[in-house]
Amino acid sequence: MYSLLSLIDTIVDLYCFTLIAYVVVTWLVTFNIINPWQPLTRSIINGLSRLHDPVLNWIRSVVPSLGGLDISPVILLLAIQFARNLLFELIA
């Protein structure tokens, strides 16, 4: 049972790291630090957006808009941490 829990925890960690990378990349594109028209950059952005946009769009539809501030990644990270802690509490 511990190996399954460890695998789930590793997958959740990878998802959190890619979410942080997605946020950083979108900031870099927004501030014109990186060029989104480069093929490698475009493929990275497309891959990360396909991984995270379905969940983030659902959160954005539920949470009211705060102007130009998007807090949906923070809410998702908090929800993931809550689910992880709940899982460890139920198993252990």
N, C-alpha and C. Protein backbone atom coordinates (compact mmCIF):
# COMPACT_ATOMS: atom_id res chain seq x y z
N MET A 1 0.83 -1.20 0.00
CA MET A 1 0.00 0.00 0.00
C MET A 1 0.87 1.26 0.00
N TYR A 2 2.03 1.17 0.67
CA TYR A 2 2.91 2.32 0.73
C TYR A 2 3.47 2.67 -0.64
N SER A 3 3.75 1.68 -1.47
CA SER A 3 4.29 1.96 -2.81
C SER A 3 3.27 2.65 -3.68
N LEU A 4 2.00 2.28 -3.57
CA LEU A 4 0.94 2.97 -4.33
C LEU A 4 0.80 4.41 -3.86
N LEU A 5 0.85 4.62 -2.57
CA LEU A 5 0.77 5.98 -2.03
C LEU A 5 1.97 6.81 -2.46
N SER A 6 3.13 6.20 -2.50
CA SER A 6 4.33 6.90 -2.96
C SER A 6 4.23 7.27 -4.44
N LEU A 7 3.68 6.37 -5.26
CA LEU A 7 3.49 6.66 -6.68
C LEU A 7 2.51 7.81 -6.88
N ILE A 8 1.40 7.80 -6.17
CA ILE A 8 0.42 8.88 -6.27
C ILE A 8 1.04 10.20 -5.82
N ASP A 9 1.81 10.16 -4.76
CA ASP A 9 2.45 11.37 -4.26
C ASP A 9 3.45 11.92 -5.27
N THR A 10 4.18 11.06 -5.95
CA THR A 10 5.13 11.49 -6.97
C THR A 10 4.42 12.10 -8.16
N ILE A 11 3.32 11.51 -8.58
CA ILE A 11 2.55 12.06 -9.70
C ILE A 11 1.98 13.43 -9.33
N VAL A 12 1.49 13.56 -8.12
CA VAL A 12 0.95 14.85 -7.67
C VAL A 12 2.07 15.89 -7.60
N ASP A 13 3.25 15.49 -7.15
CA ASP A 13 4.40 16.41 -7.13
C ASP A 13 4.74 16.89 -8.54
N LEU A 14 4.78 15.97 -9.49
CA LEU A 14 5.07 16.34 -10.88
C LEU A 14 4.02 17.31 -11.43
N TYR A 15 2.76 17.05 -11.10
CA TYR A 15 1.69 17.93 -11.55
C TYR A 15 1.85 19.33 -10.95
N CYS A 16 2.22 19.41 -9.68
CA CYS A 16 2.43 20.71 -9.04
C CYS A 16 3.61 21.45 -9.66
N PHE A 17 4.70 20.73 -9.93
CA PHE A 17 5.86 21.37 -10.55
C PHE A 17 5.54 21.87 -11.95
N THR A 18 4.78 21.08 -12.72
CA THR A 18 4.42 21.54 -14.06
C THR A 18 3.44 22.70 -13.99
N LEU A 19 2.60 22.75 -12.97
CA LEU A 19 1.70 23.90 -12.80
C LEU A 19 2.49 25.17 -12.51
N ILE A 20 3.49 25.07 -11.67
CA ILE A 20 4.33 26.23 -11.39
C ILE A 20 5.09 26.64 -12.64
N ALA A 21 5.58 25.67 -13.40
CA ALA A 21 6.27 25.98 -14.65
C ALA A 21 5.32 26.65 -15.64
N TYR A 22 4.08 26.21 -15.68
CA TYR A 22 3.07 26.81 -16.57
C TYR A 22 2.82 28.27 -16.20
N VAL A 23 2.70 28.53 -14.92
CA VAL A 23 2.48 29.91 -14.46
C VAL A 23 3.67 30.79 -14.81
N VAL A 24 4.88 30.30 -14.58
CA VAL A 24 6.08 31.07 -14.89
C VAL A 24 6.19 31.34 -16.39
N VAL A 25 5.91 30.33 -17.20
CA VAL A 25 6.00 30.50 -18.66
C VAL A 25 4.96 31.50 -19.15
N THR A 26 3.75 31.45 -18.62
CA THR A 26 2.74 32.42 -19.04
C THR A 26 3.12 33.84 -18.62
N TRP A 27 3.75 33.98 -17.46
CA TRP A 27 4.24 35.30 -17.06
C TRP A 27 5.33 35.78 -18.01
N LEU A 28 6.25 34.91 -18.36
CA LEU A 28 7.33 35.29 -19.27
C LEU A 28 6.80 35.69 -20.64
N VAL A 29 5.76 35.01 -21.10
CA VAL A 29 5.15 35.37 -22.38
C VAL A 29 4.42 36.70 -22.25
N THR A 30 3.71 36.89 -21.15
CA THR A 30 2.95 38.13 -20.95
C THR A 30 3.86 39.35 -20.90
N PHE A 31 5.01 39.22 -20.28
CA PHE A 31 5.93 40.34 -20.15
C PHE A 31 6.94 40.42 -21.31
N ASN A 32 6.70 39.67 -22.37
CA ASN A 32 7.52 39.67 -23.59
C ASN A 32 8.99 39.35 -23.32
N ILE A 33 9.23 38.46 -22.39
CA ILE A 33 10.59 38.03 -22.12
C ILE A 33 10.97 36.88 -23.04
N ILE A 34 10.02 35.99 -23.30
CA ILE A 34 10.26 34.93 -24.27
C ILE A 34 9.29 35.10 -25.43
N ASN A 35 9.68 34.61 -26.58
CA ASN A 35 8.88 34.73 -27.79
C ASN A 35 7.98 33.50 -27.92
N PRO A 36 6.64 33.68 -27.87
CA PRO A 36 5.76 32.52 -27.96
C PRO A 36 5.66 31.94 -29.37
N TRP A 37 6.28 32.57 -30.35
CA TRP A 37 6.19 32.09 -31.73
C TRP A 37 7.32 31.14 -32.09
N GLN A 38 8.28 30.97 -31.22
CA GLN A 38 9.33 29.99 -31.44
C GLN A 38 8.73 28.58 -31.32
N PRO A 39 9.13 27.65 -32.18
CA PRO A 39 8.51 26.32 -32.16
C PRO A 39 8.66 25.58 -30.82
N LEU A 40 9.83 25.63 -30.22
CA LEU A 40 10.03 24.94 -28.95
C LEU A 40 9.18 25.57 -27.84
N THR A 41 9.17 26.89 -27.80
CA THR A 41 8.37 27.59 -26.79
C THR A 41 6.89 27.31 -26.98
N ARG A 42 6.45 27.33 -28.22
CA ARG A 42 5.04 27.08 -28.52
C ARG A 42 4.65 25.67 -28.12
N SER A 43 5.51 24.68 -28.37
CA SER A 43 5.18 23.31 -28.00
C SER A 43 5.14 23.13 -26.48
N ILE A 44 6.05 23.81 -25.77
CA ILE A 44 6.04 23.74 -24.30
C ILE A 44 4.76 24.37 -23.75
N ILE A 45 4.40 25.54 -24.28
CA ILE A 45 3.20 26.22 -23.81
C ILE A 45 1.96 25.41 -24.13
N ASN A 46 1.89 24.83 -25.32
CA ASN A 46 0.73 24.02 -25.69
C ASN A 46 0.62 22.78 -24.81
N GLY A 47 1.74 22.13 -24.55
CA GLY A 47 1.70 20.94 -23.70
C GLY A 47 1.26 21.26 -22.29
N LEU A 48 1.81 22.32 -21.73
CA LEU A 48 1.43 22.70 -20.36
C LEU A 48 -0.01 23.18 -20.28
N SER A 49 -0.46 23.90 -21.31
CA SER A 49 -1.84 24.38 -21.28
C SER A 49 -2.83 23.23 -21.44
N ARG A 50 -2.50 22.24 -22.25
CA ARG A 50 -3.39 21.08 -22.37
C ARG A 50 -3.46 20.28 -21.08
N LEU A 51 -2.40 20.32 -20.32
CA LEU A 51 -2.37 19.59 -19.06
C LEU A 51 -3.13 20.32 -17.95
N HIS A 52 -3.05 21.66 -17.94
CA HIS A 52 -3.58 22.41 -16.80
C HIS A 52 -4.83 23.23 -17.09
N ASP A 53 -5.07 23.63 -18.32
CA ASP A 53 -6.20 24.50 -18.61
C ASP A 53 -7.58 23.90 -18.30
N PRO A 54 -7.82 22.60 -18.50
CA PRO A 54 -9.15 22.10 -18.13
C PRO A 54 -9.50 22.32 -16.66
N VAL A 55 -8.56 22.07 -15.78
CA VAL A 55 -8.83 22.26 -14.35
C VAL A 55 -8.87 23.74 -14.01
N LEU A 56 -7.93 24.51 -14.56
CA LEU A 56 -7.89 25.94 -14.25
C LEU A 56 -9.11 26.67 -14.81
N ASN A 57 -9.60 26.28 -15.98
CA ASN A 57 -10.81 26.91 -16.53
C ASN A 57 -12.02 26.61 -15.67
N TRP A 58 -12.09 25.40 -15.12
CA TRP A 58 -13.20 25.09 -14.24
C TRP A 58 -13.13 25.95 -12.97
N ILE A 59 -11.95 26.11 -12.41
CA ILE A 59 -11.80 26.96 -11.22
C ILE A 59 -12.13 28.41 -11.57
N ARG A 60 -11.68 28.88 -12.74
CA ARG A 60 -11.98 30.26 -13.16
C ARG A 60 -13.47 30.49 -13.33
N SER A 61 -14.22 29.46 -13.73
CA SER A 61 -15.67 29.63 -13.89
C SER A 61 -16.38 29.69 -12.55
N VAL A 62 -15.78 29.12 -11.52
CA VAL A 62 -16.39 29.11 -10.19
C VAL A 62 -16.00 30.34 -9.38
N VAL A 63 -14.73 30.71 -9.44
CA VAL A 63 -14.21 31.83 -8.65
C VAL A 63 -14.49 33.14 -9.37
N PRO A 64 -14.99 34.15 -8.67
CA PRO A 64 -15.23 35.43 -9.33
C PRO A 64 -13.93 36.10 -9.77
N SER A 65 -14.03 36.93 -10.78
CA SER A 65 -12.86 37.61 -11.33
C SER A 65 -12.37 38.69 -10.36
N LEU A 66 -11.06 38.80 -10.27
CA LEU A 66 -10.44 39.83 -9.43
C LEU A 66 -9.72 40.86 -10.29
N GLY A 67 -10.30 41.20 -11.41
CA GLY A 67 -9.66 42.14 -12.32
C GLY A 67 -8.62 41.42 -13.15
N GLY A 68 -7.39 41.90 -13.12
CA GLY A 68 -6.31 41.28 -13.88
C GLY A 68 -5.58 40.19 -13.13
N LEU A 69 -5.99 39.89 -11.92
CA LEU A 69 -5.30 38.91 -11.09
C LEU A 69 -5.98 37.55 -11.20
N ASP A 70 -5.23 36.54 -11.61
CA ASP A 70 -5.76 35.19 -11.73
C ASP A 70 -5.22 34.36 -10.57
N ILE A 71 -6.10 33.99 -9.66
CA ILE A 71 -5.67 33.22 -8.50
C ILE A 71 -6.02 31.75 -8.63
N SER A 72 -6.46 31.32 -9.81
CA SER A 72 -6.84 29.92 -9.98
C SER A 72 -5.68 28.95 -9.76
N PRO A 73 -4.43 29.25 -10.17
CA PRO A 73 -3.34 28.31 -9.84
C PRO A 73 -3.09 28.18 -8.34
N VAL A 74 -3.25 29.26 -7.61
CA VAL A 74 -3.06 29.20 -6.15
C VAL A 74 -4.15 28.34 -5.52
N ILE A 75 -5.38 28.51 -5.99
CA ILE A 75 -6.49 27.70 -5.47
C ILE A 75 -6.27 26.23 -5.80
N LEU A 76 -5.79 25.94 -7.02
CA LEU A 76 -5.51 24.56 -7.40
C LEU A 76 -4.40 23.95 -6.56
N LEU A 77 -3.33 24.71 -6.31
CA LEU A 77 -2.25 24.19 -5.46
C LEU A 77 -2.73 23.93 -4.04
N LEU A 78 -3.57 24.82 -3.51
CA LEU A 78 -4.12 24.61 -2.17
C LEU A 78 -5.02 23.38 -2.13
N ALA A 79 -5.83 23.18 -3.17
CA ALA A 79 -6.71 22.01 -3.24
C ALA A 79 -5.90 20.72 -3.35
N ILE A 80 -4.82 20.76 -4.12
CA ILE A 80 -3.97 19.58 -4.24
C ILE A 80 -3.32 19.26 -2.90
N GLN A 81 -2.82 20.27 -2.21
CA GLN A 81 -2.21 20.04 -0.90
C GLN A 81 -3.22 19.50 0.10
N PHE A 82 -4.45 20.02 0.05
CA PHE A 82 -5.49 19.52 0.94
C PHE A 82 -5.80 18.06 0.65
N ALA A 83 -5.92 17.72 -0.64
CA ALA A 83 -6.21 16.33 -1.01
C ALA A 83 -5.06 15.41 -0.63
N ARG A 84 -3.85 15.88 -0.80
CA ARG A 84 -2.68 15.07 -0.42
C ARG A 84 -2.66 14.82 1.09
N ASN A 85 -2.88 15.85 1.87
CA ASN A 85 -2.90 15.69 3.33
C ASN A 85 -4.04 14.79 3.78
N LEU A 86 -5.18 14.90 3.12
CA LEU A 86 -6.32 14.05 3.46
C LEU A 86 -6.02 12.60 3.12
N LEU A 87 -5.37 12.37 1.99
CA LEU A 87 -5.01 11.02 1.61
C LEU A 87 -4.03 10.40 2.60
N PHE A 88 -3.00 11.15 3.00
CA PHE A 88 -2.05 10.63 3.96
C PHE A 88 -2.70 10.40 5.32
N GLU A 89 -3.65 11.24 5.69
CA GLU A 89 -4.34 11.08 6.96
C GLU A 89 -5.22 9.83 6.95
N LEU A 90 -5.88 9.56 5.83
CA LEU A 90 -6.76 8.40 5.77
C LEU A 90 -5.98 7.08 5.69
N ILE A 91 -4.85 7.10 5.00
CA ILE A 91 -4.06 5.88 4.85
C ILE A 91 -3.25 5.60 6.12
N ALA A 92 -2.64 6.61 6.68
CA ALA A 92 -1.74 6.40 7.82
C ALA A 92 -2.46 6.27 9.13
